[in-house]
Amino acid sequence: MTRLNVLLLIALICSSVYLVHVSHESRRLFAELDRARSEERLLDNEFERLKSDKQSQATPLRVEKTARDKLAMRTATPAVTQYISRALPASAAGEAK
């Protein structure tokens, strides 16, 4: 009977230590999950802000103004446009005669 009590006491202590370990691990993982969710919210907010910035930077008027101001580009007019006629390949030129 005494051996059985000692064995049960050892089993109870082992079970208690394991319970404490599992509880601690569970709390640690929950805290890590909470931090990851917070970081996800921050990254989502930053992504939305960057997407909005990209959209505002890519408007046609903004692109044209940047091209004019920073790159000194101007709109193409017929006076400065050169047209190049497409040359026929040698075999097609011989058949066209």
PDB file of N, CA and C in Angstrom:
ATOM      1  N   MET A   1       0.812  -1.184   0.000  1.00  0.00           N
ATOM      2  CA  MET A   1       0.000   0.000   0.000  1.00  0.00           C
ATOM      3  C   MET A   1       0.869   1.267   0.000  1.00  0.00           C
ATOM      4  N   THR A   2       1.974   1.237   0.713  1.00  0.00           N
ATOM      5  CA  THR A   2       2.867   2.385   0.797  1.00  0.00           C
ATOM      6  C   THR A   2       3.523   2.648  -0.562  1.00  0.00           C
ATOM      7  N   ARG A   3       3.874   1.578  -1.265  1.00  0.00           N
ATOM      8  CA  ARG A   3       4.483   1.743  -2.591  1.00  0.00           C
ATOM      9  C   ARG A   3       3.501   2.402  -3.557  1.00  0.00           C
ATOM     10  N   LEU A   4       2.286   1.985  -3.467  1.00  0.00           N
ATOM     11  CA  LEU A   4       1.253   2.550  -4.336  1.00  0.00           C
ATOM     12  C   LEU A   4       1.080   4.039  -4.044  1.00  0.00           C
ATOM     13  N   ASN A   5       1.097   4.425  -2.757  1.00  0.00           N
ATOM     14  CA  ASN A   5       0.962   5.844  -2.405  1.00  0.00           C
ATOM     15  C   ASN A   5       2.147   6.656  -2.913  1.00  0.00           C
ATOM     16  N   VAL A   6       3.350   6.129  -2.793  1.00  0.00           N
ATOM     17  CA  VAL A   6       4.541   6.821  -3.283  1.00  0.00           C
ATOM     18  C   VAL A   6       4.471   6.953  -4.804  1.00  0.00           C
ATOM     19  N   LEU A   7       4.082   5.901  -5.476  1.00  0.00           N
ATOM     20  CA  LEU A   7       3.957   5.924  -6.933  1.00  0.00           C
ATOM     21  C   LEU A   7       2.910   6.944  -7.372  1.00  0.00           C
ATOM     22  N   LEU A   8       1.784   6.990  -6.685  1.00  0.00           N
ATOM     23  CA  LEU A   8       0.737   7.962  -7.015  1.00  0.00           C
ATOM     24  C   LEU A   8       1.198   9.389  -6.724  1.00  0.00           C
ATOM     25  N   LEU A   9       1.967   9.581  -5.646  1.00  0.00           N
ATOM     26  CA  LEU A   9       2.502  10.898  -5.322  1.00  0.00           C
ATOM     27  C   LEU A   9       3.469  11.368  -6.412  1.00  0.00           C
ATOM     28  N   ILE A  10       4.337  10.487  -6.876  1.00  0.00           N
ATOM     29  CA  ILE A  10       5.278  10.818  -7.950  1.00  0.00           C
ATOM     30  C   ILE A  10       4.509  11.160  -9.230  1.00  0.00           C
ATOM     31  N   ALA A  11       3.472  10.377  -9.532  1.00  0.00           N
ATOM     32  CA  ALA A  11       2.656  10.636 -10.723  1.00  0.00           C
ATOM     33  C   ALA A  11       1.946  11.988 -10.596  1.00  0.00           C
ATOM     34  N   LEU A  12       1.459  12.311  -9.399  1.00  0.00           N
ATOM     35  CA  LEU A  12       0.784  13.582  -9.166  1.00  0.00           C
ATOM     36  C   LEU A  12       1.751  14.761  -9.336  1.00  0.00           C
ATOM     37  N   ILE A  13       2.954  14.637  -8.827  1.00  0.00           N
ATOM     38  CA  ILE A  13       3.959  15.704  -8.955  1.00  0.00           C
ATOM     39  C   ILE A  13       4.353  15.891 -10.414  1.00  0.00           C
ATOM     40  N   CYS A  14       4.583  14.790 -11.106  1.00  0.00           N
ATOM     41  CA  CYS A  14       4.932  14.878 -12.547  1.00  0.00           C
ATOM     42  C   CYS A  14       3.802  15.523 -13.333  1.00  0.00           C
ATOM     43  N   SER A  15       2.584  15.141 -13.028  1.00  0.00           N
ATOM     44  CA  SER A  15       1.428  15.700 -13.713  1.00  0.00           C
ATOM     45  C   SER A  15       1.304  17.200 -13.423  1.00  0.00           C
ATOM     46  N   SER A  16       1.557  17.607 -12.198  1.00  0.00           N
ATOM     47  CA  SER A  16       1.489  19.022 -11.824  1.00  0.00           C
ATOM     48  C   SER A  16       2.559  19.830 -12.534  1.00  0.00           C
ATOM     49  N   VAL A  17       3.770  19.301 -12.582  1.00  0.00           N
ATOM     50  CA  VAL A  17       4.865  20.005 -13.278  1.00  0.00           C
ATOM     51  C   VAL A  17       4.539  20.132 -14.764  1.00  0.00           C
ATOM     52  N   TYR A  18       4.008  19.086 -15.368  1.00  0.00           N
ATOM     53  CA  TYR A  18       3.650  19.129 -16.784  1.00  0.00           C
ATOM     54  C   TYR A  18       2.530  20.150 -17.020  1.00  0.00           C
ATOM     55  N   LEU A  19       1.556  20.217 -16.115  1.00  0.00           N
ATOM     56  CA  LEU A  19       0.464  21.182 -16.234  1.00  0.00           C
ATOM     57  C   LEU A  19       0.998  22.615 -16.187  1.00  0.00           C
ATOM     58  N   VAL A  20       1.919  22.890 -15.285  1.00  0.00           N
ATOM     59  CA  VAL A  20       2.516  24.221 -15.191  1.00  0.00           C
ATOM     60  C   VAL A  20       3.272  24.536 -16.475  1.00  0.00           C
ATOM     61  N   HIS A  21       4.008  23.576 -16.989  1.00  0.00           N
ATOM     62  CA  HIS A  21       4.769  23.776 -18.229  1.00  0.00           C
ATOM     63  C   HIS A  21       3.834  24.086 -19.400  1.00  0.00           C
ATOM     64  N   VAL A  22       2.766  23.323 -19.538  1.00  0.00           N
ATOM     65  CA  VAL A  22       1.821  23.520 -20.637  1.00  0.00           C
ATOM     66  C   VAL A  22       1.113  24.867 -20.496  1.00  0.00           C
ATOM     67  N   SER A  23       0.755  25.246 -19.279  1.00  0.00           N
ATOM     68  CA  SER A  23       0.097  26.540 -19.061  1.00  0.00           C
ATOM     69  C   SER A  23       1.033  27.691 -19.443  1.00  0.00           C
ATOM     70  N   HIS A  24       2.273  27.586 -19.035  1.00  0.00           N
ATOM     71  CA  HIS A  24       3.252  28.629 -19.373  1.00  0.00           C
ATOM     72  C   HIS A  24       3.443  28.713 -20.889  1.00  0.00           C
ATOM     73  N   GLU A  25       3.565  27.591 -21.546  1.00  0.00           N
ATOM     74  CA  GLU A  25       3.737  27.555 -23.006  1.00  0.00           C
ATOM     75  C   GLU A  25       2.518  28.156 -23.700  1.00  0.00           C
ATOM     76  N   SER A  26       1.337  27.849 -23.186  1.00  0.00           N
ATOM     77  CA  SER A  26       0.105  28.386 -23.760  1.00  0.00           C
ATOM     78  C   SER A  26       0.066  29.904 -23.632  1.00  0.00           C
ATOM     79  N   ARG A  27       0.429  30.438 -22.480  1.00  0.00           N
ATOM     80  CA  ARG A  27       0.453  31.894 -22.289  1.00  0.00           C
ATOM     81  C   ARG A  27       1.494  32.553 -23.197  1.00  0.00           C
ATOM     82  N   ARG A  28       2.642  31.930 -23.320  1.00  0.00           N
ATOM     83  CA  ARG A  28       3.697  32.472 -24.171  1.00  0.00           C
ATOM     84  C   ARG A  28       3.240  32.522 -25.630  1.00  0.00           C
ATOM     85  N   LEU A  29       2.611  31.447 -26.104  1.00  0.00           N
ATOM     86  CA  LEU A  29       2.141  31.407 -27.486  1.00  0.00           C
ATOM     87  C   LEU A  29       1.010  32.403 -27.726  1.00  0.00           C
ATOM     88  N   PHE A  30       0.143  32.582 -26.727  1.00  0.00           N
ATOM     89  CA  PHE A  30      -0.939  33.546 -26.875  1.00  0.00           C
ATOM     90  C   PHE A  30      -0.380  34.965 -26.973  1.00  0.00           C
ATOM     91  N   ALA A  31       0.621  35.271 -26.151  1.00  0.00           N
ATOM     92  CA  ALA A  31       1.251  36.601 -26.212  1.00  0.00           C
ATOM     93  C   ALA A  31       1.928  36.808 -27.560  1.00  0.00           C
ATOM     94  N   GLU A  32       2.580  35.792 -28.076  1.00  0.00           N
ATOM     95  CA  GLU A  32       3.225  35.884 -29.390  1.00  0.00           C
ATOM     96  C   GLU A  32       2.191  36.078 -30.497  1.00  0.00           C
ATOM     97  N   LEU A  33       1.069  35.382 -30.397  1.00  0.00           N
ATOM     98  CA  LEU A  33      -0.011  35.535 -31.372  1.00  0.00           C
ATOM     99  C   LEU A  33      -0.577  36.947 -31.324  1.00  0.00           C
ATOM    100  N   ASP A  34      -0.738  37.486 -30.139  1.00  0.00           N
ATOM    101  CA  ASP A  34      -1.253  38.843 -29.984  1.00  0.00           C
ATOM    102  C   ASP A  34      -0.289  39.860 -30.596  1.00  0.00           C
ATOM    103  N   ARG A  35       1.013  39.680 -30.376  1.00  0.00           N
ATOM    104  CA  ARG A  35       2.006  40.571 -30.989  1.00  0.00           C
ATOM    105  C   ARG A  35       1.968  40.458 -32.516  1.00  0.00           C
ATOM    106  N   ALA A  36       1.811  39.247 -33.024  1.00  0.00           N
ATOM    107  CA  ALA A  36       1.762  39.049 -34.480  1.00  0.00           C
ATOM    108  C   ALA A  36       0.520  39.719 -35.075  1.00  0.00           C
ATOM    109  N   ARG A  37      -0.598  39.646 -34.380  1.00  0.00           N
ATOM    110  CA  ARG A  37      -1.818  40.303 -34.869  1.00  0.00           C
ATOM    111  C   ARG A  37      -1.658  41.821 -34.863  1.00  0.00           C
ATOM    112  N   SER A  38      -1.010  42.350 -33.835  1.00  0.00           N
ATOM    113  CA  SER A  38      -0.761  43.798 -33.778  1.00  0.00           C
ATOM    114  C   SER A  38       0.133  44.222 -34.933  1.00  0.00           C
ATOM    115  N   GLU A  39       1.176  43.458 -35.179  1.00  0.00           N
ATOM    116  CA  GLU A  39       2.080  43.764 -36.294  1.00  0.00           C
ATOM    117  C   GLU A  39       1.343  43.669 -37.630  1.00  0.00           C
ATOM    118  N   GLU A  40       0.442  42.695 -37.750  1.00  0.00           N
ATOM    119  CA  GLU A  40      -0.336  42.558 -38.982  1.00  0.00           C
ATOM    120  C   GLU A  40      -1.199  43.795 -39.214  1.00  0.00           C
ATOM    121  N   ARG A  41      -1.834  44.298 -38.153  1.00  0.00           N
ATOM    122  CA  ARG A  41      -2.651  45.502 -38.294  1.00  0.00           C
ATOM    123  C   ARG A  41      -1.795  46.696 -38.720  1.00  0.00           C
ATOM    124  N   LEU A  42      -0.621  46.835 -38.115  1.00  0.00           N
ATOM    125  CA  LEU A  42       0.275  47.933 -38.494  1.00  0.00           C
ATOM    126  C   LEU A  42       0.709  47.818 -39.953  1.00  0.00           C
ATOM    127  N   LEU A  43       1.056  46.608 -40.373  1.00  0.00           N
ATOM    128  CA  LEU A  43       1.481  46.411 -41.757  1.00  0.00           C
ATOM    129  C   LEU A  43       0.333  46.638 -42.734  1.00  0.00           C
ATOM    130  N   ASP A  44      -0.882  46.234 -42.362  1.00  0.00           N
ATOM    131  CA  ASP A  44      -2.040  46.487 -43.217  1.00  0.00           C
ATOM    132  C   ASP A  44      -2.277  47.990 -43.378  1.00  0.00           C
ATOM    133  N   ASN A  45      -2.161  48.726 -42.266  1.00  0.00           N
ATOM    134  CA  ASN A  45      -2.342  50.180 -42.336  1.00  0.00           C
ATOM    135  C   ASN A  45      -1.277  50.821 -43.229  1.00  0.00           C
ATOM    136  N   GLU A  46      -0.047  50.379 -43.070  1.00  0.00           N
ATOM    137  CA  GLU A  46       1.029  50.922 -43.889  1.00  0.00           C
ATOM    138  C   GLU A  46       0.822  50.573 -45.370  1.00  0.00           C
ATOM    139  N   PHE A  47       0.372  49.345 -45.633  1.00  0.00           N
ATOM    140  CA  PHE A  47       0.125  48.931 -47.015  1.00  0.00           C
ATOM    141  C   PHE A  47      -0.962  49.791 -47.648  1.00  0.00           C
ATOM    142  N   GLU A  48      -2.038  50.039 -46.908  1.00  0.00           N
ATOM    143  CA  GLU A  48      -3.123  50.869 -47.446  1.00  0.00           C
ATOM    144  C   GLU A  48      -2.637  52.294 -47.713  1.00  0.00           C
ATOM    145  N   ARG A  49      -1.804  52.820 -46.804  1.00  0.00           N
ATOM    146  CA  ARG A  49      -1.265  54.162 -46.981  1.00  0.00           C
ATOM    147  C   ARG A  49      -0.369  54.216 -48.221  1.00  0.00           C
ATOM    148  N   LEU A  50       0.485  53.202 -48.369  1.00  0.00           N
ATOM    149  CA  LEU A  50       1.379  53.176 -49.533  1.00  0.00           C
ATOM    150  C   LEU A  50       0.611  52.995 -50.835  1.00  0.00           C
ATOM    151  N   LYS A  51      -0.437  52.196 -50.781  1.00  0.00           N
ATOM    152  CA  LYS A  51      -1.261  51.994 -51.976  1.00  0.00           C
ATOM    153  C   LYS A  51      -1.938  53.308 -52.368  1.00  0.00           C
ATOM    154  N   SER A  52      -2.406  54.031 -51.374  1.00  0.00           N
ATOM    155  CA  SER A  52      -3.024  55.332 -51.629  1.00  0.00           C
ATOM    156  C   SER A  52      -2.003  56.324 -52.194  1.00  0.00           C
ATOM    157  N   ASP A  53      -0.791  56.329 -51.621  1.00  0.00           N
ATOM    158  CA  ASP A  53       0.270  57.206 -52.139  1.00  0.00           C
ATOM    159  C   ASP A  53       0.611  56.859 -53.579  1.00  0.00           C
ATOM    160  N   LYS A  54       0.702  55.581 -53.873  1.00  0.00           N
ATOM    161  CA  LYS A  54       1.023  55.138 -55.236  1.00  0.00           C
ATOM    162  C   LYS A  54      -0.058  55.598 -56.208  1.00  0.00           C
ATOM    163  N   GLN A  55      -1.297  55.461 -55.784  1.00  0.00           N
ATOM    164  CA  GLN A  55      -2.409  55.840 -56.649  1.00  0.00           C
ATOM    165  C   GLN A  55      -2.390  57.348 -56.905  1.00  0.00           C
ATOM    166  N   SER A  56      -2.099  58.126 -55.875  1.00  0.00           N
ATOM    167  CA  SER A  56      -2.079  59.582 -56.072  1.00  0.00           C
ATOM    168  C   SER A  56      -0.874  60.018 -56.907  1.00  0.00           C
ATOM    169  N   GLN A  57       0.242  59.295 -56.823  1.00  0.00           N
ATOM    170  CA  GLN A  57       1.438  59.645 -57.588  1.00  0.00           C
ATOM    171  C   GLN A  57       1.300  59.269 -59.061  1.00  0.00           C
ATOM    172  N   ALA A  58       0.432  58.327 -59.374  1.00  0.00           N
ATOM    173  CA  ALA A  58       0.344  57.810 -60.740  1.00  0.00           C
ATOM    174  C   ALA A  58      -0.763  58.457 -61.563  1.00  0.00           C
ATOM    175  N   THR A  59      -1.332  59.561 -61.106  1.00  0.00           N
ATOM    176  CA  THR A  59      -2.372  60.206 -61.908  1.00  0.00           C
ATOM    177  C   THR A  59      -1.734  60.799 -63.162  1.00  0.00           C
ATOM    178  N   PRO A  60      -2.450  60.828 -64.258  1.00  0.00           N
ATOM    179  CA  PRO A  60      -1.871  61.341 -65.514  1.00  0.00           C
ATOM    180  C   PRO A  60      -1.351  62.779 -65.402  1.00  0.00           C
ATOM    181  N   LEU A  61      -2.070  63.628 -64.683  1.00  0.00           N
ATOM    182  CA  LEU A  61      -1.610  65.012 -64.546  1.00  0.00           C
ATOM    183  C   LEU A  61      -0.298  65.092 -63.777  1.00  0.00           C
ATOM    184  N   ARG A  62      -0.177  64.297 -62.739  1.00  0.00           N
ATOM    185  CA  ARG A  62       1.051  64.298 -61.928  1.00  0.00           C
ATOM    186  C   ARG A  62       2.230  63.771 -62.747  1.00  0.00           C
ATOM    187  N   VAL A  63       1.992  62.707 -63.521  1.00  0.00           N
ATOM    188  CA  VAL A  63       3.058  62.143 -64.356  1.00  0.00           C
ATOM    189  C   VAL A  63       3.493  63.166 -65.400  1.00  0.00           C
ATOM    190  N   GLU A  64       2.541  63.837 -66.011  1.00  0.00           N
ATOM    191  CA  GLU A  64       2.869  64.836 -67.028  1.00  0.00           C
ATOM    192  C   GLU A  64       3.624  66.012 -66.413  1.00  0.00           C
ATOM    193  N   LYS A  65       3.204  66.474 -65.254  1.00  0.00           N
ATOM    194  CA  LYS A  65       3.876  67.593 -64.582  1.00  0.00           C
ATOM    195  C   LYS A  65       5.306  67.204 -64.192  1.00  0.00           C
ATOM    196  N   THR A  66       5.489  65.996 -63.680  1.00  0.00           N
ATOM    197  CA  THR A  66       6.826  65.531 -63.313  1.00  0.00           C
ATOM    198  C   THR A  66       7.709  65.427 -64.556  1.00  0.00           C
ATOM    199  N   ALA A  67       7.149  64.907 -65.642  1.00  0.00           N
ATOM    200  CA  ALA A  67       7.925  64.788 -66.886  1.00  0.00           C
ATOM    201  C   ALA A  67       8.338  66.161 -67.395  1.00  0.00           C
ATOM    202  N   ARG A  68       7.452  67.131 -67.303  1.00  0.00           N
ATOM    203  CA  ARG A  68       7.760  68.478 -67.769  1.00  0.00           C
ATOM    204  C   ARG A  68       8.786  69.167 -66.861  1.00  0.00           C
ATOM    205  N   ASP A  69       8.573  69.084 -65.546  1.00  0.00           N
ATOM    206  CA  ASP A  69       9.424  69.823 -64.601  1.00  0.00           C
ATOM    207  C   ASP A  69      10.785  69.167 -64.382  1.00  0.00           C
ATOM    208  N   LYS A  70      10.791  67.913 -64.080  1.00  0.00           N
ATOM    209  CA  LYS A  70      12.049  67.256 -63.699  1.00  0.00           C
ATOM    210  C   LYS A  70      12.845  66.737 -64.895  1.00  0.00           C
ATOM    211  N   LEU A  71      12.144  66.282 -65.930  1.00  0.00           N
ATOM    212  CA  LEU A  71      12.837  65.692 -67.071  1.00  0.00           C
ATOM    213  C   LEU A  71      12.910  66.622 -68.275  1.00  0.00           C
ATOM    214  N   ALA A  72      12.323  67.789 -68.144  1.00  0.00           N
ATOM    215  CA  ALA A  72      12.312  68.786 -69.232  1.00  0.00           C
ATOM    216  C   ALA A  72      11.748  68.206 -70.521  1.00  0.00           C
ATOM    217  N   MET A  73      10.724  67.402 -70.397  1.00  0.00           N
ATOM    218  CA  MET A  73      10.075  66.825 -71.574  1.00  0.00           C
ATOM    219  C   MET A  73       8.954  67.763 -72.027  1.00  0.00           C
ATOM    220  N   ARG A  74       8.600  67.665 -73.282  1.00  0.00           N
ATOM    221  CA  ARG A  74       7.491  68.463 -73.790  1.00  0.00           C
ATOM    222  C   ARG A  74       6.586  67.565 -74.619  1.00  0.00           C
ATOM    223  N   THR A  75       5.379  68.026 -74.860  1.00  0.00           N
ATOM    224  CA  THR A  75       4.436  67.206 -75.624  1.00  0.00           C
ATOM    225  C   THR A  75       4.856  67.198 -77.090  1.00  0.00           C
ATOM    226  N   ALA A  76       4.571  66.097 -77.743  1.00  0.00           N
ATOM    227  CA  ALA A  76       4.948  65.936 -79.150  1.00  0.00           C
ATOM    228  C   ALA A  76       3.964  66.702 -80.026  1.00  0.00           C
ATOM    229  N   THR A  77       4.506  67.487 -80.919  1.00  0.00           N
ATOM    230  CA  THR A  77       3.680  68.222 -81.884  1.00  0.00           C
ATOM    231  C   THR A  77       4.062  67.728 -83.280  1.00  0.00           C
ATOM    232  N   PRO A  78       3.206  67.944 -84.264  1.00  0.00           N
ATOM    233  CA  PRO A  78       3.545  67.505 -85.624  1.00  0.00           C
ATOM    234  C   PRO A  78       4.813  68.165 -86.148  1.00  0.00           C
ATOM    235  N   ALA A  79       5.164  69.327 -85.636  1.00  0.00           N
ATOM    236  CA  ALA A  79       6.354  70.023 -86.125  1.00  0.00           C
ATOM    237  C   ALA A  79       7.645  69.311 -85.707  1.00  0.00           C
ATOM    238  N   VAL A  80       7.621  68.619 -84.583  1.00  0.00           N
ATOM    239  CA  VAL A  80       8.837  67.954 -84.106  1.00  0.00           C
ATOM    240  C   VAL A  80       8.771  66.444 -84.277  1.00  0.00           C
ATOM    241  N   THR A  81       7.709  65.942 -84.878  1.00  0.00           N
ATOM    242  CA  THR A  81       7.535  64.506 -85.057  1.00  0.00           C
ATOM    243  C   THR A  81       8.103  64.083 -86.400  1.00  0.00           C
ATOM    244  N   GLN A  82       8.908  63.039 -86.398  1.00  0.00           N
ATOM    245  CA  GLN A  82       9.459  62.503 -87.637  1.00  0.00           C
ATOM    246  C   GLN A  82       8.831  61.139 -87.878  1.00  0.00           C
ATOM    247  N   TYR A  83       8.292  60.947 -89.078  1.00  0.00           N
ATOM    248  CA  TYR A  83       7.655  59.688 -89.439  1.00  0.00           C
ATOM    249  C   TYR A  83       8.609  58.885 -90.307  1.00  0.00           C
ATOM    250  N   ILE A  84       8.707  57.621 -90.052  1.00  0.00           N
ATOM    251  CA  ILE A  84       9.603  56.742 -90.792  1.00  0.00           C
ATOM    252  C   ILE A  84       8.739  55.731 -91.525  1.00  0.00           C
ATOM    253  N   SER A  85       8.960  55.615 -92.827  1.00  0.00           N
ATOM    254  CA  SER A  85       8.195  54.624 -93.576  1.00  0.00           C
ATOM    255  C   SER A  85       8.825  53.258 -93.363  1.00  0.00           C
ATOM    256  N   ARG A  86       7.998  52.271 -93.374  1.00  0.00           N
ATOM    257  CA  ARG A  86       8.462  50.918 -93.113  1.00  0.00           C
ATOM    258  C   ARG A  86       9.045  50.336 -94.392  1.00  0.00           C
ATOM    259  N   ALA A  87      10.275  49.889 -94.337  1.00  0.00           N
ATOM    260  CA  ALA A  87      10.943  49.326 -95.512  1.00  0.00           C
ATOM    261  C   ALA A  87      10.482  47.890 -95.716  1.00  0.00           C
ATOM    262  N   LEU A  88      10.318  47.499 -96.955  1.00  0.00           N
ATOM    263  CA  LEU A  88       9.917  46.131 -97.270  1.00  0.00           C
ATOM    264  C   LEU A  88      11.147  45.229 -97.244  1.00  0.00           C
ATOM    265  N   PRO A  89      10.990  43.977 -96.868  1.00  0.00           N
ATOM    266  CA  PRO A  89      12.119  43.040 -96.922  1.00  0.00           C
ATOM    267  C   PRO A  89      12.553  42.841 -98.376  1.00  0.00           C
ATOM    268  N   ALA A  90      13.768  42.372 -98.597  1.00  0.00           N
ATOM    269  CA  ALA A  90      14.346  42.239 -99.942  1.00  0.00           C
ATOM    270  C   ALA A  90      13.510  41.319-100.824  1.00  0.00           C
ATOM    271  N   SER A  91      13.015  40.214-100.320  1.00  0.00           N
ATOM    272  CA  SER A  91      12.244  39.284-101.157  1.00  0.00           C
ATOM    273  C   SER A  91      10.903  39.896-101.558  1.00  0.00           C
ATOM    274  N   ALA A  92      10.272  40.658-100.666  1.00  0.00           N
ATOM    275  CA  ALA A  92       8.997  41.281-100.993  1.00  0.00           C
ATOM    276  C   ALA A  92       9.199  42.444-101.954  1.00  0.00           C
ATOM    277  N   ALA A  93      10.337  43.130-101.910  1.00  0.00           N
ATOM    278  CA  ALA A  93      10.623  44.256-102.811  1.00  0.00           C
ATOM    279  C   ALA A  93      10.793  43.742-104.241  1.00  0.00           C
ATOM    280  N   GLY A  94      11.403  42.562-104.411  1.00  0.00           N
ATOM    281  CA  GLY A  94      11.590  41.982-105.740  1.00  0.00           C
ATOM    282  C   GLY A  94      10.268  41.546-106.344  1.00  0.00           C
ATOM    283  N   GLU A  95       9.350  41.072-105.558  1.00  0.00           N
ATOM    284  CA  GLU A  95       8.043  40.639-106.044  1.00  0.00           C
ATOM    285  C   GLU A  95       7.161  41.831-106.383  1.00  0.00           C
ATOM    286  N   ALA A  96       7.369  42.951-105.748  1.00  0.00           N
ATOM    287  CA  ALA A  96       6.527  44.119-105.960  1.00  0.00           C
ATOM    288  C   ALA A  96       6.786  44.758-107.320  1.00  0.00           C
ATOM    289  N   LYS A  97       7.926  44.492-107.964  1.00  0.00           N
ATOM    290  CA  LYS A  97       8.252  45.099-109.269  1.00  0.00           C
ATOM    291  C   LYS A  97       7.414  44.567-110.332  1.00  0.00           C
TER     292      LYS A  97
END
